[in-house]
């Protein structure tokens, strides 16, 4: 899956074979990035598309040395399942995600 950072739209995108687009929105802040919304079209759910978006977005946040604010429930769930991402969490969200 080819994940593209659409900087102009502030979202990571995957263009799907049927013309649909899956995406994870982001909002850059000073030293942080918020991920408020992730969309995978229903016909494409359960195929790892959301995980590919989250994995790429979080790798980008790490490269940019940004703390992550996971405002999207998908990002919260993804980060719970992937403790290797917990170091990226904004301190105010560590308890919510890391438990």
PDB file of N, CA and C in Angstrom:
ATOM      1  N   UNK A   1       0.830  -1.182   0.000  1.00  0.00           N
ATOM      2  CA  UNK A   1       0.000   0.000   0.000  1.00  0.00           C
ATOM      3  C   UNK A   1       0.874   1.244   0.000  1.00  0.00           C
ATOM      4  N   UNK A   2       0.562   2.147  -0.869  1.00  0.00           N
ATOM      5  CA  UNK A   2       1.331   3.371  -0.984  1.00  0.00           C
ATOM      6  C   UNK A   2       0.649   4.474  -0.185  1.00  0.00           C
ATOM      7  N   UNK A   3       1.267   4.855   0.923  1.00  0.00           N
ATOM      8  CA  UNK A   3       0.737   5.922   1.769  1.00  0.00           C
ATOM      9  C   UNK A   3       1.450   7.213   1.387  1.00  0.00           C
ATOM     10  N   UNK A   4       0.650   8.246   1.110  1.00  0.00           N
ATOM     11  CA  UNK A   4       1.189   9.531   0.685  1.00  0.00           C
ATOM     12  C   UNK A   4       0.825  10.590   1.716  1.00  0.00           C
ATOM     13  N   UNK A   5       1.791  11.425   2.052  1.00  0.00           N
ATOM     14  CA  UNK A   5       1.531  12.559   2.925  1.00  0.00           C
ATOM     15  C   UNK A   5       1.068  13.718   2.044  1.00  0.00           C
ATOM     16  N   UNK A   6      -0.227  14.007   2.073  1.00  0.00           N
ATOM     17  CA  UNK A   6      -0.782  15.125   1.327  1.00  0.00           C
ATOM     18  C   UNK A   6      -0.681  16.348   2.242  1.00  0.00           C
ATOM     19  N   UNK A   7       0.427  17.051   2.145  1.00  0.00           N
ATOM     20  CA  UNK A   7       0.722  18.161   3.042  1.00  0.00           C
ATOM     21  C   UNK A   7      -0.326  19.263   2.903  1.00  0.00           C
ATOM     22  N   UNK A   8      -0.759  19.547   1.679  1.00  0.00           N
ATOM     23  CA  UNK A   8      -1.740  20.611   1.445  1.00  0.00           C
ATOM     24  C   UNK A   8      -3.058  20.332   2.167  1.00  0.00           C
ATOM     25  N   UNK A   9      -3.459  19.060   2.219  1.00  0.00           N
ATOM     26  CA  UNK A   9      -4.707  18.681   2.896  1.00  0.00           C
ATOM     27  C   UNK A   9      -4.486  18.264   4.340  1.00  0.00           C
ATOM     28  N   UNK A  10      -3.239  18.215   4.770  1.00  0.00           N
ATOM     29  CA  UNK A  10      -2.854  17.777   6.110  1.00  0.00           C
ATOM     30  C   UNK A  10      -3.463  16.409   6.428  1.00  0.00           C
ATOM     31  N   UNK A  11      -3.137  15.459   5.564  1.00  0.00           N
ATOM     32  CA  UNK A  11      -3.594  14.093   5.811  1.00  0.00           C
ATOM     33  C   UNK A  11      -2.718  13.096   5.066  1.00  0.00           C
ATOM     34  N   UNK A  12      -2.610  11.909   5.656  1.00  0.00           N
ATOM     35  CA  UNK A  12      -1.967  10.785   5.000  1.00  0.00           C
ATOM     36  C   UNK A  12      -3.053  10.049   4.237  1.00  0.00           C
ATOM     37  N   UNK A  13      -2.759   9.646   3.001  1.00  0.00           N
ATOM     38  CA  UNK A  13      -3.784   9.063   2.134  1.00  0.00           C
ATOM     39  C   UNK A  13      -3.316   7.770   1.490  1.00  0.00           C
ATOM     40  N   UNK A  14      -4.282   6.910   1.235  1.00  0.00           N
ATOM     41  CA  UNK A  14      -4.079   5.731   0.395  1.00  0.00           C
ATOM     42  C   UNK A  14      -5.189   5.758  -0.645  1.00  0.00           C
ATOM     43  N   UNK A  15      -4.791   5.836  -1.903  1.00  0.00           N
ATOM     44  CA  UNK A  15      -5.774   5.779  -2.995  1.00  0.00           C
ATOM     45  C   UNK A  15      -6.028   4.304  -3.293  1.00  0.00           C
ATOM     46  N   UNK A  16      -7.284   3.922  -3.229  1.00  0.00           N
ATOM     47  CA  UNK A  16      -7.670   2.520  -3.368  1.00  0.00           C
ATOM     48  C   UNK A  16      -8.044   2.207  -4.806  1.00  0.00           C
ATOM     49  N   UNK A  17      -7.959   0.926  -5.207  1.00  0.00           N
ATOM     50  CA  UNK A  17      -8.189   0.550  -6.599  1.00  0.00           C
ATOM     51  C   UNK A  17      -9.544   0.987  -7.170  1.00  0.00           C
ATOM     52  N   UNK A  18     -10.552   1.094  -6.319  1.00  0.00           N
ATOM     53  CA  UNK A  18     -11.880   1.475  -6.827  1.00  0.00           C
ATOM     54  C   UNK A  18     -12.077   2.990  -6.879  1.00  0.00           C
ATOM     55  N   UNK A  19     -11.014   3.753  -6.617  1.00  0.00           N
ATOM     56  CA  UNK A  19     -11.097   5.205  -6.671  1.00  0.00           C
ATOM     57  C   UNK A  19     -11.366   5.860  -5.324  1.00  0.00           C
ATOM     58  N   UNK A  20     -11.720   5.076  -4.314  1.00  0.00           N
ATOM     59  CA  UNK A  20     -11.946   5.616  -2.972  1.00  0.00           C
ATOM     60  C   UNK A  20     -10.597   6.002  -2.352  1.00  0.00           C
ATOM     61  N   UNK A  21     -10.671   6.809  -1.314  1.00  0.00           N
ATOM     62  CA  UNK A  21      -9.467   7.242  -0.614  1.00  0.00           C
ATOM     63  C   UNK A  21      -9.640   6.993   0.882  1.00  0.00           C
ATOM     64  N   UNK A  22      -8.674   6.338   1.475  1.00  0.00           N
ATOM     65  CA  UNK A  22      -8.606   6.198   2.939  1.00  0.00           C
ATOM     66  C   UNK A  22      -7.638   7.264   3.420  1.00  0.00           C
ATOM     67  N   UNK A  23      -7.900   7.828   4.607  1.00  0.00           N
ATOM     68  CA  UNK A  23      -7.021   8.897   5.056  1.00  0.00           C
ATOM     69  C   UNK A  23      -7.000   9.016   6.572  1.00  0.00           C
ATOM     70  N   UNK A  24      -5.909   9.626   7.046  1.00  0.00           N
ATOM     71  CA  UNK A  24      -5.749   9.993   8.452  1.00  0.00           C
ATOM     72  C   UNK A  24      -5.390  11.471   8.471  1.00  0.00           C
ATOM     73  N   UNK A  25      -6.299  12.287   8.989  1.00  0.00           N
ATOM     74  CA  UNK A  25      -6.048  13.723   9.113  1.00  0.00           C
ATOM     75  C   UNK A  25      -5.017  13.985  10.196  1.00  0.00           C
ATOM     76  N   UNK A  26      -4.277  15.078  10.047  1.00  0.00           N
ATOM     77  CA  UNK A  26      -3.392  15.529  11.117  1.00  0.00           C
ATOM     78  C   UNK A  26      -3.416  17.042  11.218  1.00  0.00           C
ATOM     79  N   UNK A  27      -3.110  17.515  12.419  1.00  0.00           N
ATOM     80  CA  UNK A  27      -3.033  18.942  12.693  1.00  0.00           C
ATOM     81  C   UNK A  27      -1.704  19.221  13.379  1.00  0.00           C
ATOM     82  N   UNK A  28      -0.761  19.843  12.658  1.00  0.00           N
ATOM     83  CA  UNK A  28       0.527  20.163  13.271  1.00  0.00           C
ATOM     84  C   UNK A  28       0.387  21.296  14.280  1.00  0.00           C
ATOM     85  N   UNK A  29       1.135  21.178  15.353  1.00  0.00           N
ATOM     86  CA  UNK A  29       1.199  22.198  16.399  1.00  0.00           C
ATOM     87  C   UNK A  29       2.668  22.374  16.752  1.00  0.00           C
ATOM     88  N   UNK A  30       2.968  23.325  17.573  1.00  0.00           N
ATOM     89  CA  UNK A  30       4.361  23.546  17.954  1.00  0.00           C
ATOM     90  C   UNK A  30       4.881  22.339  18.747  1.00  0.00           C
ATOM     91  N   UNK A  31       5.768  21.565  18.125  1.00  0.00           N
ATOM     92  CA  UNK A  31       6.375  20.415  18.785  1.00  0.00           C
ATOM     93  C   UNK A  31       5.469  19.202  18.912  1.00  0.00           C
ATOM     94  N   UNK A  32       4.265  19.285  18.346  1.00  0.00           N
ATOM     95  CA  UNK A  32       3.281  18.199  18.474  1.00  0.00           C
ATOM     96  C   UNK A  32       2.516  18.029  17.173  1.00  0.00           C
ATOM     97  N   UNK A  33       1.808  16.921  17.099  1.00  0.00           N
ATOM     98  CA  UNK A  33       0.874  16.699  16.008  1.00  0.00           C
ATOM     99  C   UNK A  33      -0.346  15.972  16.569  1.00  0.00           C
ATOM    100  N   UNK A  34      -1.518  16.437  16.173  1.00  0.00           N
ATOM    101  CA  UNK A  34      -2.763  15.788  16.579  1.00  0.00           C
ATOM    102  C   UNK A  34      -3.295  14.990  15.389  1.00  0.00           C
ATOM    103  N   UNK A  35      -3.764  13.779  15.687  1.00  0.00           N
ATOM    104  CA  UNK A  35      -4.435  12.954  14.690  1.00  0.00           C
ATOM    105  C   UNK A  35      -5.906  12.877  15.085  1.00  0.00           C
ATOM    106  N   UNK A  36      -6.771  13.732  14.478  1.00  0.00           N
ATOM    107  CA  UNK A  36      -8.156  13.824  14.915  1.00  0.00           C
ATOM    108  C   UNK A  36      -9.135  12.864  14.245  1.00  0.00           C
ATOM    109  N   UNK A  37      -8.780  12.325  13.072  1.00  0.00           N
ATOM    110  CA  UNK A  37      -9.799  11.582  12.328  1.00  0.00           C
ATOM    111  C   UNK A  37      -9.139  10.646  11.327  1.00  0.00           C
ATOM    112  N   UNK A  38      -9.620   9.416  11.280  1.00  0.00           N
ATOM    113  CA  UNK A  38      -9.160   8.424  10.301  1.00  0.00           C
ATOM    114  C   UNK A  38     -10.378   7.828   9.620  1.00  0.00           C
ATOM    115  N   UNK A  39     -10.309   7.693   8.296  1.00  0.00           N
ATOM    116  CA  UNK A  39     -11.426   7.139   7.527  1.00  0.00           C
ATOM    117  C   UNK A  39     -10.913   6.042   6.600  1.00  0.00           C
ATOM    118  N   UNK A  40     -11.524   4.880   6.715  1.00  0.00           N
ATOM    119  CA  UNK A  40     -11.321   3.797   5.754  1.00  0.00           C
ATOM    120  C   UNK A  40     -12.714   3.461   5.226  1.00  0.00           C
ATOM    121  N   UNK A  41     -12.923   3.570   3.918  1.00  0.00           N
ATOM    122  CA  UNK A  41     -14.240   3.261   3.382  1.00  0.00           C
ATOM    123  C   UNK A  41     -14.686   1.854   3.800  1.00  0.00           C
ATOM    124  N   UNK A  42     -15.973   1.691   4.131  1.00  0.00           N
ATOM    125  CA  UNK A  42     -16.476   0.404   4.645  1.00  0.00           C
ATOM    126  C   UNK A  42     -16.103  -0.807   3.795  1.00  0.00           C
ATOM    127  N   UNK A  43     -16.090  -0.667   2.500  1.00  0.00           N
ATOM    128  CA  UNK A  43     -15.757  -1.803   1.624  1.00  0.00           C
ATOM    129  C   UNK A  43     -14.310  -2.250   1.776  1.00  0.00           C
ATOM    130  N   UNK A  44     -13.493  -1.433   2.423  1.00  0.00           N
ATOM    131  CA  UNK A  44     -12.061  -1.734   2.549  1.00  0.00           C
ATOM    132  C   UNK A  44     -11.621  -1.985   3.984  1.00  0.00           C
ATOM    133  N   UNK A  45     -12.560  -2.016   4.907  1.00  0.00           N
ATOM    134  CA  UNK A  45     -12.214  -2.245   6.310  1.00  0.00           C
ATOM    135  C   UNK A  45     -11.681  -3.660   6.517  1.00  0.00           C
ATOM    136  N   UNK A  46     -10.836  -3.812   7.523  1.00  0.00           N
ATOM    137  CA  UNK A  46     -10.304  -5.128   7.874  1.00  0.00           C
ATOM    138  C   UNK A  46      -9.188  -5.618   6.987  1.00  0.00           C
ATOM    139  N   UNK A  47      -8.608  -4.733   6.187  1.00  0.00           N
ATOM    140  CA  UNK A  47      -7.533  -5.119   5.261  1.00  0.00           C
ATOM    141  C   UNK A  47      -6.184  -4.508   5.636  1.00  0.00           C
ATOM    142  N   UNK A  48      -6.105  -3.919   6.821  1.00  0.00           N
ATOM    143  CA  UNK A  48      -4.843  -3.342   7.269  1.00  0.00           C
ATOM    144  C   UNK A  48      -4.575  -1.940   6.753  1.00  0.00           C
ATOM    145  N   UNK A  49      -5.562  -1.326   6.121  1.00  0.00           N
ATOM    146  CA  UNK A  49      -5.375   0.003   5.542  1.00  0.00           C
ATOM    147  C   UNK A  49      -5.219   1.056   6.642  1.00  0.00           C
ATOM    148  N   UNK A  50      -6.076   1.009   7.641  1.00  0.00           N
ATOM    149  CA  UNK A  50      -5.966   1.949   8.752  1.00  0.00           C
ATOM    150  C   UNK A  50      -4.639   1.808   9.471  1.00  0.00           C
ATOM    151  N   UNK A  51      -4.204   0.574   9.657  1.00  0.00           N
ATOM    152  CA  UNK A  51      -2.912   0.334  10.321  1.00  0.00           C
ATOM    153  C   UNK A  51      -1.757   0.894   9.495  1.00  0.00           C
ATOM    154  N   UNK A  52      -1.833   0.749   8.172  1.00  0.00           N
ATOM    155  CA  UNK A  52      -0.784   1.307   7.308  1.00  0.00           C
ATOM    156  C   UNK A  52      -0.741   2.827   7.424  1.00  0.00           C
ATOM    157  N   UNK A  53      -1.910   3.453   7.488  1.00  0.00           N
ATOM    158  CA  UNK A  53      -1.970   4.907   7.665  1.00  0.00           C
ATOM    159  C   UNK A  53      -1.344   5.309   9.003  1.00  0.00           C
ATOM    160  N   UNK A  54      -1.750   4.641  10.077  1.00  0.00           N
ATOM    161  CA  UNK A  54      -1.240   4.972  11.408  1.00  0.00           C
ATOM    162  C   UNK A  54       0.267   4.727  11.494  1.00  0.00           C
ATOM    163  N   UNK A  55       0.724   3.599  11.002  1.00  0.00           N
ATOM    164  CA  UNK A  55       2.150   3.262  11.054  1.00  0.00           C
ATOM    165  C   UNK A  55       2.981   4.336  10.333  1.00  0.00           C
ATOM    166  N   UNK A  56       2.536   4.741   9.141  1.00  0.00           N
ATOM    167  CA  UNK A  56       3.265   5.744   8.369  1.00  0.00           C
ATOM    168  C   UNK A  56       3.207   7.106   9.046  1.00  0.00           C
ATOM    169  N   UNK A  57       2.031   7.474   9.541  1.00  0.00           N
ATOM    170  CA  UNK A  57       1.867   8.768  10.203  1.00  0.00           C
ATOM    171  C   UNK A  57       2.726   8.852  11.467  1.00  0.00           C
ATOM    172  N   UNK A  58       2.772   7.788  12.225  1.00  0.00           N
ATOM    173  CA  UNK A  58       3.567   7.792  13.454  1.00  0.00           C
ATOM    174  C   UNK A  58       5.068   7.779  13.147  1.00  0.00           C
ATOM    175  N   UNK A  59       5.467   7.104  12.086  1.00  0.00           N
ATOM    176  CA  UNK A  59       6.875   7.128  11.674  1.00  0.00           C
ATOM    177  C   UNK A  59       7.265   8.550  11.263  1.00  0.00           C
ATOM    178  N   UNK A  60       6.356   9.234  10.577  1.00  0.00           N
ATOM    179  CA  UNK A  60       6.587  10.627  10.190  1.00  0.00           C
ATOM    180  C   UNK A  60       6.718  11.500  11.441  1.00  0.00           C
ATOM    181  N   UNK A  61       5.830  11.323  12.420  1.00  0.00           N
ATOM    182  CA  UNK A  61       5.893  12.091  13.665  1.00  0.00           C
ATOM    183  C   UNK A  61       7.233  11.867  14.353  1.00  0.00           C
ATOM    184  N   UNK A  62       7.708  10.625  14.354  1.00  0.00           N
ATOM    185  CA  UNK A  62       9.004  10.305  14.968  1.00  0.00           C
ATOM    186  C   UNK A  62      10.131  11.026  14.225  1.00  0.00           C
ATOM    187  N   UNK A  63      10.108  10.975  12.902  1.00  0.00           N
ATOM    188  CA  UNK A  63      11.136  11.643  12.094  1.00  0.00           C
ATOM    189  C   UNK A  63      11.152  13.151  12.340  1.00  0.00           C
ATOM    190  N   UNK A  64       9.982  13.723  12.535  1.00  0.00           N
ATOM    191  CA  UNK A  64       9.850  15.162  12.760  1.00  0.00           C
ATOM    192  C   UNK A  64      10.064  15.542  14.229  1.00  0.00           C
ATOM    193  N   UNK A  65      10.263  14.534  15.082  1.00  0.00           N
ATOM    194  CA  UNK A  65      10.455  14.711  16.528  1.00  0.00           C
ATOM    195  C   UNK A  65       9.255  15.430  17.160  1.00  0.00           C
ATOM    196  N   UNK A  66       8.057  14.960  16.791  1.00  0.00           N
ATOM    197  CA  UNK A  66       6.817  15.528  17.306  1.00  0.00           C
ATOM    198  C   UNK A  66       6.182  14.601  18.330  1.00  0.00           C
ATOM    199  N   UNK A  67       5.623  15.171  19.384  1.00  0.00           N
ATOM    200  CA  UNK A  67       4.812  14.397  20.314  1.00  0.00           C
ATOM    201  C   UNK A  67       3.433  14.217  19.687  1.00  0.00           C
ATOM    202  N   UNK A  68       2.812  13.092  19.963  1.00  0.00           N
ATOM    203  CA  UNK A  68       1.545  12.735  19.331  1.00  0.00           C
ATOM    204  C   UNK A  68       0.374  12.912  20.286  1.00  0.00           C
ATOM    205  N   UNK A  69      -0.657  13.560  19.773  1.00  0.00           N
ATOM    206  CA  UNK A  69      -1.939  13.667  20.465  1.00  0.00           C
ATOM    207  C   UNK A  69      -2.922  12.825  19.667  1.00  0.00           C
ATOM    208  N   UNK A  70      -3.257  11.625  20.151  1.00  0.00           N
ATOM    209  CA  UNK A  70      -4.162  10.742  19.419  1.00  0.00           C
ATOM    210  C   UNK A  70      -5.626  11.054  19.745  1.00  0.00           C
ATOM    211  N   UNK A  71      -6.200  12.033  19.053  1.00  0.00           N
ATOM    212  CA  UNK A  71      -7.590  12.422  19.295  1.00  0.00           C
ATOM    213  C   UNK A  71      -8.570  11.485  18.600  1.00  0.00           C
ATOM    214  N   UNK A  72      -8.092  10.705  17.679  1.00  0.00           N
ATOM    215  CA  UNK A  72      -8.913   9.744  16.926  1.00  0.00           C
ATOM    216  C   UNK A  72      -8.912   8.396  17.656  1.00  0.00           C
ATOM    217  N   UNK A  73     -10.074   7.811  17.796  1.00  0.00           N
ATOM    218  CA  UNK A  73     -10.172   6.528  18.505  1.00  0.00           C
ATOM    219  C   UNK A  73      -9.351   5.436  17.823  1.00  0.00           C
ATOM    220  N   UNK A  74      -9.218   5.491  16.502  1.00  0.00           N
ATOM    221  CA  UNK A  74      -8.405   4.490  15.811  1.00  0.00           C
ATOM    222  C   UNK A  74      -6.945   4.616  16.224  1.00  0.00           C
ATOM    223  N   UNK A  75      -6.429   5.841  16.306  1.00  0.00           N
ATOM    224  CA  UNK A  75      -5.039   6.039  16.713  1.00  0.00           C
ATOM    225  C   UNK A  75      -4.829   5.596  18.156  1.00  0.00           C
ATOM    226  N   UNK A  76      -5.798   5.867  19.019  1.00  0.00           N
ATOM    227  CA  UNK A  76      -5.689   5.411  20.407  1.00  0.00           C
ATOM    228  C   UNK A  76      -5.574   3.892  20.435  1.00  0.00           C
ATOM    229  N   UNK A  77      -6.465   3.207  19.721  1.00  0.00           N
ATOM    230  CA  UNK A  77      -6.452   1.735  19.701  1.00  0.00           C
ATOM    231  C   UNK A  77      -5.159   1.204  19.088  1.00  0.00           C
ATOM    232  N   UNK A  78      -4.709   1.814  17.998  1.00  0.00           N
ATOM    233  CA  UNK A  78      -3.476   1.369  17.353  1.00  0.00           C
ATOM    234  C   UNK A  78      -2.297   1.507  18.315  1.00  0.00           C
ATOM    235  N   UNK A  79      -2.204   2.660  18.959  1.00  0.00           N
ATOM    236  CA  UNK A  79      -1.073   2.895  19.854  1.00  0.00           C
ATOM    237  C   UNK A  79      -1.140   2.000  21.091  1.00  0.00           C
ATOM    238  N   UNK A  80      -2.314   1.653  21.551  1.00  0.00           N
ATOM    239  CA  UNK A  80      -2.437   0.693  22.669  1.00  0.00           C
ATOM    240  C   UNK A  80      -1.840  -0.647  22.278  1.00  0.00           C
ATOM    241  N   UNK A  81      -2.096  -1.067  21.035  1.00  0.00           N
ATOM    242  CA  UNK A  81      -1.606  -2.367  20.555  1.00  0.00           C
ATOM    243  C   UNK A  81      -0.119  -2.336  20.204  1.00  0.00           C
ATOM    244  N   UNK A  82       0.463  -1.149  20.130  1.00  0.00           N
ATOM    245  CA  UNK A  82       1.864  -1.016  19.716  1.00  0.00           C
ATOM    246  C   UNK A  82       2.638  -0.184  20.742  1.00  0.00           C
ATOM    247  N   UNK A  83       3.056  -0.839  21.827  1.00  0.00           N
ATOM    248  CA  UNK A  83       3.759  -0.101  22.890  1.00  0.00           C
ATOM    249  C   UNK A  83       5.042   0.581  22.422  1.00  0.00           C
ATOM    250  N   UNK A  84       5.596   0.146  21.304  1.00  0.00           N
ATOM    251  CA  UNK A  84       6.807   0.793  20.786  1.00  0.00           C
ATOM    252  C   UNK A  84       6.532   2.229  20.338  1.00  0.00           C
ATOM    253  N   UNK A  85       5.258   2.613  20.266  1.00  0.00           N
ATOM    254  CA  UNK A  85       4.903   3.986  19.896  1.00  0.00           C
ATOM    255  C   UNK A  85       4.634   4.875  21.109  1.00  0.00           C
ATOM    256  N   UNK A  86       4.610   4.305  22.303  1.00  0.00           N
ATOM    257  CA  UNK A  86       4.221   5.063  23.489  1.00  0.00           C
ATOM    258  C   UNK A  86       5.166   6.229  23.800  1.00  0.00           C
ATOM    259  N   UNK A  87       6.424   6.113  23.397  1.00  0.00           N
ATOM    260  CA  UNK A  87       7.357   7.210  23.642  1.00  0.00           C
ATOM    261  C   UNK A  87       6.989   8.460  22.852  1.00  0.00           C
ATOM    262  N   UNK A  88       6.163   8.312  21.827  1.00  0.00           N
ATOM    263  CA  UNK A  88       5.730   9.453  21.020  1.00  0.00           C
ATOM    264  C   UNK A  88       4.599  10.246  21.675  1.00  0.00           C
ATOM    265  N   UNK A  89       3.928   9.637  22.624  1.00  0.00           N
ATOM    266  CA  UNK A  89       2.728  10.249  23.206  1.00  0.00           C
ATOM    267  C   UNK A  89       3.018  11.549  23.941  1.00  0.00           C
ATOM    268  N   UNK A  90       2.171  12.533  23.699  1.00  0.00           N
ATOM    269  CA  UNK A  90       2.169  13.740  24.504  1.00  0.00           C
ATOM    270  C   UNK A  90       1.899  13.305  25.946  1.00  0.00           C
ATOM    271  N   UNK A  91       2.605  13.863  26.925  1.00  0.00           N
ATOM    272  CA  UNK A  91       2.427  13.419  28.304  1.00  0.00           C
ATOM    273  C   UNK A  91       0.973  13.425  28.786  1.00  0.00           C
ATOM    274  N   UNK A  92       0.182  14.341  28.307  1.00  0.00           N
ATOM    275  CA  UNK A  92      -1.213  14.414  28.729  1.00  0.00           C
ATOM    276  C   UNK A  92      -2.068  13.258  28.246  1.00  0.00           C
ATOM    277  N   UNK A  93      -1.554  12.460  27.318  1.00  0.00           N
ATOM    278  CA  UNK A  93      -2.323  11.342  26.748  1.00  0.00           C
ATOM    279  C   UNK A  93      -1.729   9.984  27.093  1.00  0.00           C
ATOM    280  N   UNK A  94      -0.622   9.962  27.807  1.00  0.00           N
ATOM    281  CA  UNK A  94       0.028   8.687  28.120  1.00  0.00           C
ATOM    282  C   UNK A  94      -0.867   7.771  28.938  1.00  0.00           C
ATOM    283  N   UNK A  95      -1.519   8.303  29.940  1.00  0.00           N
ATOM    284  CA  UNK A  95      -2.388   7.475  30.793  1.00  0.00           C
ATOM    285  C   UNK A  95      -3.549   6.897  29.990  1.00  0.00           C
ATOM    286  N   UNK A  96      -4.150   7.688  29.126  1.00  0.00           N
ATOM    287  CA  UNK A  96      -5.272   7.255  28.314  1.00  0.00           C
ATOM    288  C   UNK A  96      -4.900   6.101  27.399  1.00  0.00           C
ATOM    289  N   UNK A  97      -3.707   6.155  26.829  1.00  0.00           N
ATOM    290  CA  UNK A  97      -3.294   5.154  25.844  1.00  0.00           C
ATOM    291  C   UNK A  97      -2.502   4.021  26.475  1.00  0.00           C
ATOM    292  N   UNK A  98      -1.506   4.361  27.251  1.00  0.00           N
ATOM    293  CA  UNK A  98      -0.589   3.342  27.777  1.00  0.00           C
ATOM    294  C   UNK A  98      -1.158   2.635  29.006  1.00  0.00           C
ATOM    295  N   UNK A  99      -2.121   3.238  29.646  1.00  0.00           N
ATOM    296  CA  UNK A  99      -2.749   2.601  30.787  1.00  0.00           C
ATOM    297  C   UNK A  99      -2.037   2.677  32.051  1.00  0.00           C
TER     298      UNK A  99
END
